[in-house]
Amino acid sequence: MKYEIILFDVDDTLFDFSMSQKNALHNTFVAFGIPTGLADYEAKYKEISKVLWGDLEQGLTTLSALGVERFRRLFLESKLEIDADKFSSAYLENLGRQAYLMQGAVEICGNLAGCRLAVITNGYANVQRSRIGSSPLHNTFEQLIISEEAGFQKPDTRIFDYAFSKLKITDKEKVLIVGDSLTSDIQGGINYGIDTCWYNPLRKENDTGIKPTYEIYKLNDILNIIE
């Protein structure tokens, strides 16, 4: 077996974050008395959030600041008089209840039973632990490496140091990271000197210059790499 330890990203790799985000946003807007909020503001929210998550990867902001700032900017631009702190807390609580899996996630984790599996994710610990814990994958992973707890986020090599310490890994050649983000998962793996697998189900063009070791379109294709 070429790889013995698989580090999985969570959002848009094993879990359908788009669906989770959509439902959490809708439920939060409804709770704040804006039933059409998702339809009215989702596009602008996603645009703002994407910028801030990019800033986080570059170390230009913190996770706690990001959580509130995305809604502060949204409400300011949309002229909504809503407390961004309270909205953010309610949104994260709603997000923690969303556990939609990507197609093939349960199957691939079952088929990789001979490997050591762990999660390495940028995100909020309570949210990610709640989502994984309420899913069919709740007993799947040896460790949940979450950036809020590690103190660093992908692609920073220090979150990989943290992961390797937790998992007691000594041989980088036995480790593969699987994720959907070129700038976070793949660049992080490259920075740390481990092999990378870009999960690209929508067959997006890679115009970044970041070169993964492997590219797959279905999760089960990982078996062809492992074997």
C-alpha atoms as a PDB file:
ATOM      1  CA  MET A   1       0.000   0.000   0.000  1.00  0.00           C
ATOM      2  CA  LYS A   2       1.528   3.315  -1.131  1.00  0.00           C
ATOM      3  CA  TYR A   3      -0.129   5.494   1.550  1.00  0.00           C
ATOM      4  CA  GLU A   4      -1.043   4.460   5.071  1.00  0.00           C
ATOM      5  CA  ILE A   5      -2.456   7.740   6.413  1.00  0.00           C
ATOM      6  CA  ILE A   6      -5.087   9.819   4.606  1.00  0.00           C
ATOM      7  CA  LEU A   7      -5.738  13.398   5.739  1.00  0.00           C
ATOM      8  CA  PHE A   8      -9.161  14.509   4.533  1.00  0.00           C
ATOM      9  CA  ASP A   9     -10.392  18.045   4.192  1.00  0.00           C
ATOM     10  CA  VAL A  10     -14.014  18.403   5.346  1.00  0.00           C
ATOM     11  CA  ASP A  11     -15.909  21.093   3.462  1.00  0.00           C
ATOM     12  CA  ASP A  12     -16.687  20.322  -0.185  1.00  0.00           C
ATOM     13  CA  THR A  13     -14.540  17.194   0.104  1.00  0.00           C
ATOM     14  CA  LEU A  14     -16.411  14.863   2.469  1.00  0.00           C
ATOM     15  CA  PHE A  15     -19.223  17.239   3.426  1.00  0.00           C
ATOM     16  CA  ASP A  16     -21.404  19.315   1.108  1.00  0.00           C
ATOM     17  CA  PHE A  17     -20.637  22.762   2.466  1.00  0.00           C
ATOM     18  CA  SER A  18     -22.695  24.594  -0.138  1.00  0.00           C
ATOM     19  CA  MET A  19     -25.856  22.861   1.043  1.00  0.00           C
ATOM     20  CA  SER A  20     -24.933  23.283   4.694  1.00  0.00           C
ATOM     21  CA  GLN A  21     -24.212  26.985   4.252  1.00  0.00           C
ATOM     22  CA  LYS A  22     -27.422  27.577   2.313  1.00  0.00           C
ATOM     23  CA  ASN A  23     -29.603  25.942   4.958  1.00  0.00           C
ATOM     24  CA  ALA A  24     -27.817  27.618   7.857  1.00  0.00           C
ATOM     25  CA  LEU A  25     -28.095  31.048   6.238  1.00  0.00           C
ATOM     26  CA  HIS A  26     -31.777  30.558   5.474  1.00  0.00           C
ATOM     27  CA  ASN A  27     -32.601  29.400   8.989  1.00  0.00           C
ATOM     28  CA  THR A  28     -30.693  32.305  10.516  1.00  0.00           C
ATOM     29  CA  PHE A  29     -32.308  34.938   8.322  1.00  0.00           C
ATOM     30  CA  VAL A  30     -35.718  33.480   9.159  1.00  0.00           C
ATOM     31  CA  ALA A  31     -34.914  33.634  12.869  1.00  0.00           C
ATOM     32  CA  PHE A  32     -34.022  37.332  12.439  1.00  0.00           C
ATOM     33  CA  GLY A  33     -37.324  38.054  10.684  1.00  0.00           C
ATOM     34  CA  ILE A  34     -36.046  38.114   7.091  1.00  0.00           C
ATOM     35  CA  PRO A  35     -37.582  35.063   5.352  1.00  0.00           C
ATOM     36  CA  THR A  36     -36.303  36.157   1.917  1.00  0.00           C
ATOM     37  CA  GLY A  37     -32.780  36.777   3.234  1.00  0.00           C
ATOM     38  CA  LEU A  38     -31.179  33.805   1.503  1.00  0.00           C
ATOM     39  CA  ALA A  39     -32.527  34.784  -1.903  1.00  0.00           C
ATOM     40  CA  ASP A  40     -31.757  38.459  -1.378  1.00  0.00           C
ATOM     41  CA  TYR A  41     -28.284  38.306   0.135  1.00  0.00           C
ATOM     42  CA  GLU A  42     -26.657  34.890  -0.477  1.00  0.00           C
ATOM     43  CA  ALA A  43     -24.656  35.960  -3.534  1.00  0.00           C
ATOM     44  CA  LYS A  44     -23.234  39.043  -1.816  1.00  0.00           C
ATOM     45  CA  TYR A  45     -22.493  37.061   1.360  1.00  0.00           C
ATOM     46  CA  LYS A  46     -20.566  34.387  -0.554  1.00  0.00           C
ATOM     47  CA  GLU A  47     -18.559  37.045  -2.360  1.00  0.00           C
ATOM     48  CA  ILE A  48     -17.572  38.707   0.925  1.00  0.00           C
ATOM     49  CA  SER A  49     -16.894  35.398   2.660  1.00  0.00           C
ATOM     50  CA  LYS A  50     -14.620  34.160  -0.137  1.00  0.00           C
ATOM     51  CA  VAL A  51     -12.422  37.247   0.209  1.00  0.00           C
ATOM     52  CA  LEU A  52     -12.163  36.849   3.986  1.00  0.00           C
ATOM     53  CA  TRP A  53     -11.342  33.122   3.837  1.00  0.00           C
ATOM     54  CA  GLY A  54      -8.596  34.006   1.358  1.00  0.00           C
ATOM     55  CA  ASP A  55      -7.318  36.579   3.844  1.00  0.00           C
ATOM     56  CA  LEU A  56      -7.345  33.900   6.548  1.00  0.00           C
ATOM     57  CA  GLU A  57      -5.223  31.539   4.440  1.00  0.00           C
ATOM     58  CA  GLN A  58      -2.700  34.360   4.007  1.00  0.00           C
ATOM     59  CA  GLY A  59      -2.664  35.145   7.724  1.00  0.00           C
ATOM     60  CA  LEU A  60      -4.290  38.564   7.221  1.00  0.00           C
ATOM     61  CA  THR A  61      -7.193  37.935   9.583  1.00  0.00           C
ATOM     62  CA  THR A  62      -8.237  35.532  12.331  1.00  0.00           C
ATOM     63  CA  LEU A  63     -11.029  32.983  12.414  1.00  0.00           C
ATOM     64  CA  SER A  64     -12.869  34.783  15.200  1.00  0.00           C
ATOM     65  CA  ALA A  65     -12.651  38.106  13.369  1.00  0.00           C
ATOM     66  CA  LEU A  66     -13.778  36.520  10.103  1.00  0.00           C
ATOM     67  CA  GLY A  67     -16.942  35.100  11.660  1.00  0.00           C
ATOM     68  CA  VAL A  68     -18.348  38.512  12.509  1.00  0.00           C
ATOM     69  CA  GLU A  69     -16.681  40.633   9.823  1.00  0.00           C
ATOM     70  CA  ARG A  70     -18.392  38.830   6.928  1.00  0.00           C
ATOM     71  CA  PHE A  71     -21.802  39.717   8.313  1.00  0.00           C
ATOM     72  CA  ARG A  72     -20.769  43.219   9.363  1.00  0.00           C
ATOM     73  CA  ARG A  73     -19.727  43.944   5.763  1.00  0.00           C
ATOM     74  CA  LEU A  74     -22.853  42.294   4.348  1.00  0.00           C
ATOM     75  CA  PHE A  75     -25.218  44.269   6.556  1.00  0.00           C
ATOM     76  CA  LEU A  76     -23.336  47.520   5.938  1.00  0.00           C
ATOM     77  CA  GLU A  77     -23.446  47.093   2.149  1.00  0.00           C
ATOM     78  CA  SER A  78     -27.078  45.951   2.226  1.00  0.00           C
ATOM     79  CA  LYS A  79     -28.163  48.675   4.687  1.00  0.00           C
ATOM     80  CA  LEU A  80     -29.521  46.137   7.172  1.00  0.00           C
ATOM     81  CA  GLU A  81     -29.668  47.060  10.833  1.00  0.00           C
ATOM     82  CA  ILE A  82     -28.735  43.679  12.315  1.00  0.00           C
ATOM     83  CA  ASP A  83     -26.231  42.956  15.086  1.00  0.00           C
ATOM     84  CA  ALA A  84     -23.415  41.110  13.258  1.00  0.00           C
ATOM     85  CA  ASP A  85     -22.162  39.445  16.450  1.00  0.00           C
ATOM     86  CA  LYS A  86     -25.555  37.972  17.322  1.00  0.00           C
ATOM     87  CA  PHE A  87     -26.214  36.930  13.735  1.00  0.00           C
ATOM     88  CA  SER A  88     -22.814  35.238  13.488  1.00  0.00           C
ATOM     89  CA  SER A  89     -23.390  33.251  16.680  1.00  0.00           C
ATOM     90  CA  ALA A  90     -26.806  32.102  15.484  1.00  0.00           C
ATOM     91  CA  TYR A  91     -25.433  31.208  12.045  1.00  0.00           C
ATOM     92  CA  LEU A  92     -22.619  29.073  13.479  1.00  0.00           C
ATOM     93  CA  GLU A  93     -25.100  27.290  15.723  1.00  0.00           C
ATOM     94  CA  ASN A  94     -27.301  26.547  12.720  1.00  0.00           C
ATOM     95  CA  LEU A  95     -24.292  25.500  10.630  1.00  0.00           C
ATOM     96  CA  GLY A  96     -23.302  22.958  13.267  1.00  0.00           C
ATOM     97  CA  ARG A  97     -26.612  21.177  12.681  1.00  0.00           C
ATOM     98  CA  GLN A  98     -25.931  20.631   8.959  1.00  0.00           C
ATOM     99  CA  ALA A  99     -24.303  17.297   8.108  1.00  0.00           C
ATOM    100  CA  TYR A 100     -24.808  16.782   4.382  1.00  0.00           C
ATOM    101  CA  LEU A 101     -22.248  14.418   2.895  1.00  0.00           C
ATOM    102  CA  MET A 102     -20.733  14.503  -0.570  1.00  0.00           C
ATOM    103  CA  GLN A 103     -21.620  11.641  -2.871  1.00  0.00           C
ATOM    104  CA  GLY A 104     -19.360   8.683  -2.155  1.00  0.00           C
ATOM    105  CA  ALA A 105     -18.036   9.979   1.189  1.00  0.00           C
ATOM    106  CA  VAL A 106     -19.322   7.081   3.295  1.00  0.00           C
ATOM    107  CA  GLU A 107     -18.263   4.526   0.703  1.00  0.00           C
ATOM    108  CA  ILE A 108     -14.703   5.767   0.314  1.00  0.00           C
ATOM    109  CA  CYS A 109     -14.124   5.936   4.054  1.00  0.00           C
ATOM    110  CA  GLY A 110     -15.410   2.371   4.358  1.00  0.00           C
ATOM    111  CA  ASN A 111     -13.214   1.220   1.499  1.00  0.00           C
ATOM    112  CA  LEU A 112     -10.194   2.810   3.168  1.00  0.00           C
ATOM    113  CA  ALA A 113     -10.680   0.884   6.397  1.00  0.00           C
ATOM    114  CA  GLY A 114      -7.143  -0.466   6.065  1.00  0.00           C
ATOM    115  CA  CYS A 115      -5.702   3.057   6.279  1.00  0.00           C
ATOM    116  CA  ARG A 116      -5.460   5.505   9.147  1.00  0.00           C
ATOM    117  CA  LEU A 117      -7.945   8.305   8.448  1.00  0.00           C
ATOM    118  CA  ALA A 118      -7.930  11.791   9.930  1.00  0.00           C
ATOM    119  CA  VAL A 119      -9.535  15.149   9.225  1.00  0.00           C
ATOM    120  CA  ILE A 120      -7.595  18.379   8.698  1.00  0.00           C
ATOM    121  CA  THR A 121      -9.897  21.352   8.294  1.00  0.00           C
ATOM    122  CA  ASN A 122      -9.950  25.117   8.512  1.00  0.00           C
ATOM    123  CA  GLY A 123     -12.941  26.069  10.614  1.00  0.00           C
ATOM    124  CA  TYR A 124     -14.669  26.394  13.938  1.00  0.00           C
ATOM    125  CA  ALA A 125     -14.160  23.489  16.326  1.00  0.00           C
ATOM    126  CA  ASN A 126     -17.712  23.346  17.693  1.00  0.00           C
ATOM    127  CA  VAL A 127     -19.211  23.529  14.211  1.00  0.00           C
ATOM    128  CA  GLN A 128     -16.974  20.890  12.641  1.00  0.00           C
ATOM    129  CA  ARG A 129     -17.176  18.492  15.592  1.00  0.00           C
ATOM    130  CA  SER A 130     -20.963  18.827  15.680  1.00  0.00           C
ATOM    131  CA  ARG A 131     -21.343  18.187  11.939  1.00  0.00           C
ATOM    132  CA  ILE A 132     -19.000  15.202  11.897  1.00  0.00           C
ATOM    133  CA  GLY A 133     -20.435  13.835  15.133  1.00  0.00           C
ATOM    134  CA  SER A 134     -23.993  13.806  13.810  1.00  0.00           C
ATOM    135  CA  SER A 135     -23.029  12.205  10.485  1.00  0.00           C
ATOM    136  CA  PRO A 136     -22.504   8.569   9.458  1.00  0.00           C
ATOM    137  CA  LEU A 137     -18.753   9.295   9.630  1.00  0.00           C
ATOM    138  CA  HIS A 138     -18.775  10.004  13.379  1.00  0.00           C
ATOM    139  CA  ASN A 139     -16.579   6.979  14.250  1.00  0.00           C
ATOM    140  CA  THR A 140     -14.370   7.138  11.160  1.00  0.00           C
ATOM    141  CA  PHE A 141     -11.429   9.372  12.047  1.00  0.00           C
ATOM    142  CA  GLU A 142      -8.479   8.815  14.336  1.00  0.00           C
ATOM    143  CA  GLN A 143      -8.099  12.560  14.892  1.00  0.00           C
ATOM    144  CA  LEU A 144      -9.990  15.733  13.984  1.00  0.00           C
ATOM    145  CA  ILE A 145      -7.399  18.410  13.277  1.00  0.00           C
ATOM    146  CA  ILE A 146      -9.290  21.718  13.298  1.00  0.00           C
ATOM    147  CA  SER A 147      -7.581  25.049  12.709  1.00  0.00           C
ATOM    148  CA  GLU A 148      -9.311  26.815  15.604  1.00  0.00           C
ATOM    149  CA  GLU A 149      -7.841  24.270  18.028  1.00  0.00           C
ATOM    150  CA  ALA A 150      -4.474  23.995  16.281  1.00  0.00           C
ATOM    151  CA  GLY A 151      -3.997  27.757  16.227  1.00  0.00           C
ATOM    152  CA  PHE A 152      -2.979  27.680  12.558  1.00  0.00           C
ATOM    153  CA  GLN A 153      -4.809  27.064   9.301  1.00  0.00           C
ATOM    154  CA  LYS A 154      -3.937  25.449   5.996  1.00  0.00           C
ATOM    155  CA  PRO A 155      -1.728  26.146   4.066  1.00  0.00           C
ATOM    156  CA  ASP A 156       0.446  27.075   7.087  1.00  0.00           C
ATOM    157  CA  THR A 157       2.913  24.251   7.730  1.00  0.00           C
ATOM    158  CA  ARG A 158       2.344  24.582  11.473  1.00  0.00           C
ATOM    159  CA  ILE A 159      -1.101  22.980  11.283  1.00  0.00           C
ATOM    160  CA  PHE A 160       0.612  19.984   9.669  1.00  0.00           C
ATOM    161  CA  ASP A 161       3.188  19.929  12.463  1.00  0.00           C
ATOM    162  CA  TYR A 162       0.241  19.847  14.867  1.00  0.00           C
ATOM    163  CA  ALA A 163      -1.432  17.040  12.906  1.00  0.00           C
ATOM    164  CA  PHE A 164       1.727  14.935  12.654  1.00  0.00           C
ATOM    165  CA  SER A 165       2.283  15.340  16.393  1.00  0.00           C
ATOM    166  CA  LYS A 166      -1.284  14.301  17.231  1.00  0.00           C
ATOM    167  CA  LEU A 167      -1.097  11.317  14.893  1.00  0.00           C
ATOM    168  CA  LYS A 168       2.498  10.458  15.822  1.00  0.00           C
ATOM    169  CA  ILE A 169       3.530  10.371  12.167  1.00  0.00           C
ATOM    170  CA  THR A 170       7.230  10.093  11.360  1.00  0.00           C
ATOM    171  CA  ASP A 171       7.250   9.230   7.635  1.00  0.00           C
ATOM    172  CA  LYS A 172       5.846  11.882   5.281  1.00  0.00           C
ATOM    173  CA  GLU A 173       5.984   9.490   2.337  1.00  0.00           C
ATOM    174  CA  LYS A 174       3.164   7.423   3.862  1.00  0.00           C
ATOM    175  CA  VAL A 175       0.789  10.425   4.054  1.00  0.00           C
ATOM    176  CA  LEU A 176      -1.665  11.757   1.447  1.00  0.00           C
ATOM    177  CA  ILE A 177      -3.844  14.843   1.847  1.00  0.00           C
ATOM    178  CA  VAL A 178      -7.156  14.927  -0.050  1.00  0.00           C
ATOM    179  CA  GLY A 179      -9.028  18.180  -0.529  1.00  0.00           C
ATOM    180  CA  ASP A 180     -10.928  20.418  -2.913  1.00  0.00           C
ATOM    181  CA  SER A 181      -8.962  23.647  -2.378  1.00  0.00           C
ATOM    182  CA  LEU A 182      -5.793  24.238  -4.359  1.00  0.00           C
ATOM    183  CA  THR A 183      -4.762  27.221  -2.231  1.00  0.00           C
ATOM    184  CA  SER A 184      -5.490  25.585   1.133  1.00  0.00           C
ATOM    185  CA  ASP A 185      -5.281  21.784   0.953  1.00  0.00           C
ATOM    186  CA  ILE A 186      -2.960  21.283  -1.997  1.00  0.00           C
ATOM    187  CA  GLN A 187      -0.662  24.219  -1.349  1.00  0.00           C
ATOM    188  CA  GLY A 188      -0.541  23.220   2.312  1.00  0.00           C
ATOM    189  CA  GLY A 189       0.497  19.691   1.443  1.00  0.00           C
ATOM    190  CA  ILE A 190       3.108  20.943  -1.007  1.00  0.00           C
ATOM    191  CA  ASN A 191       4.480  23.370   1.591  1.00  0.00           C
ATOM    192  CA  TYR A 192       4.839  20.496   4.043  1.00  0.00           C
ATOM    193  CA  GLY A 193       6.338  18.023   1.605  1.00  0.00           C
ATOM    194  CA  ILE A 194       3.547  15.452   1.471  1.00  0.00           C
ATOM    195  CA  ASP A 195       1.713  14.113  -1.573  1.00  0.00           C
ATOM    196  CA  THR A 196      -1.542  15.791  -2.498  1.00  0.00           C
ATOM    197  CA  CYS A 197      -4.805  14.727  -4.125  1.00  0.00           C
ATOM    198  CA  TRP A 198      -7.039  17.437  -5.574  1.00  0.00           C
ATOM    199  CA  TYR A 199     -10.702  16.440  -5.449  1.00  0.00           C
ATOM    200  CA  ASN A 200     -12.213  18.273  -8.414  1.00  0.00           C
ATOM    201  CA  PRO A 201     -15.714  16.896  -9.083  1.00  0.00           C
ATOM    202  CA  LEU A 202     -16.752  19.927 -11.148  1.00  0.00           C
ATOM    203  CA  ARG A 203     -13.614  19.602 -13.283  1.00  0.00           C
ATOM    204  CA  LYS A 204     -12.578  23.188 -12.667  1.00  0.00           C
ATOM    205  CA  GLU A 205      -9.636  24.515 -14.634  1.00  0.00           C
ATOM    206  CA  ASN A 206      -6.464  24.817 -12.590  1.00  0.00           C
ATOM    207  CA  ASP A 207      -5.033  28.204 -13.511  1.00  0.00           C
ATOM    208  CA  THR A 208      -3.132  28.729 -10.247  1.00  0.00           C
ATOM    209  CA  GLY A 209       0.249  27.189 -10.952  1.00  0.00           C
ATOM    210  CA  ILE A 210      -0.299  24.906  -7.939  1.00  0.00           C
ATOM    211  CA  LYS A 211       0.358  21.340  -9.062  1.00  0.00           C
ATOM    212  CA  PRO A 212      -1.220  18.484  -7.064  1.00  0.00           C
ATOM    213  CA  THR A 213       0.342  15.036  -7.118  1.00  0.00           C
ATOM    214  CA  TYR A 214      -3.009  13.582  -8.210  1.00  0.00           C
ATOM    215  CA  GLU A 215      -6.362  14.898  -9.444  1.00  0.00           C
ATOM    216  CA  ILE A 216      -9.613  12.962  -9.042  1.00  0.00           C
ATOM    217  CA  TYR A 217     -13.218  13.596 -10.008  1.00  0.00           C
ATOM    218  CA  LYS A 218     -14.876  10.988  -7.766  1.00  0.00           C
ATOM    219  CA  LEU A 219     -13.921  10.196  -4.180  1.00  0.00           C
ATOM    220  CA  ASN A 220     -13.714   6.490  -4.897  1.00  0.00           C
ATOM    221  CA  ASP A 221     -10.863   7.208  -7.342  1.00  0.00           C
ATOM    222  CA  ILE A 222      -8.649   7.479  -4.252  1.00  0.00           C
ATOM    223  CA  LEU A 223      -8.581   3.673  -4.250  1.00  0.00           C
ATOM    224  CA  ASN A 224      -6.689   3.675  -7.544  1.00  0.00           C
ATOM    225  CA  ILE A 225      -4.032   5.880  -5.956  1.00  0.00           C
ATOM    226  CA  ILE A 226      -3.760   3.873  -2.750  1.00  0.00           C
ATOM    227  CA  GLU A 227      -3.563   0.503  -4.480  1.00  0.00           C
END
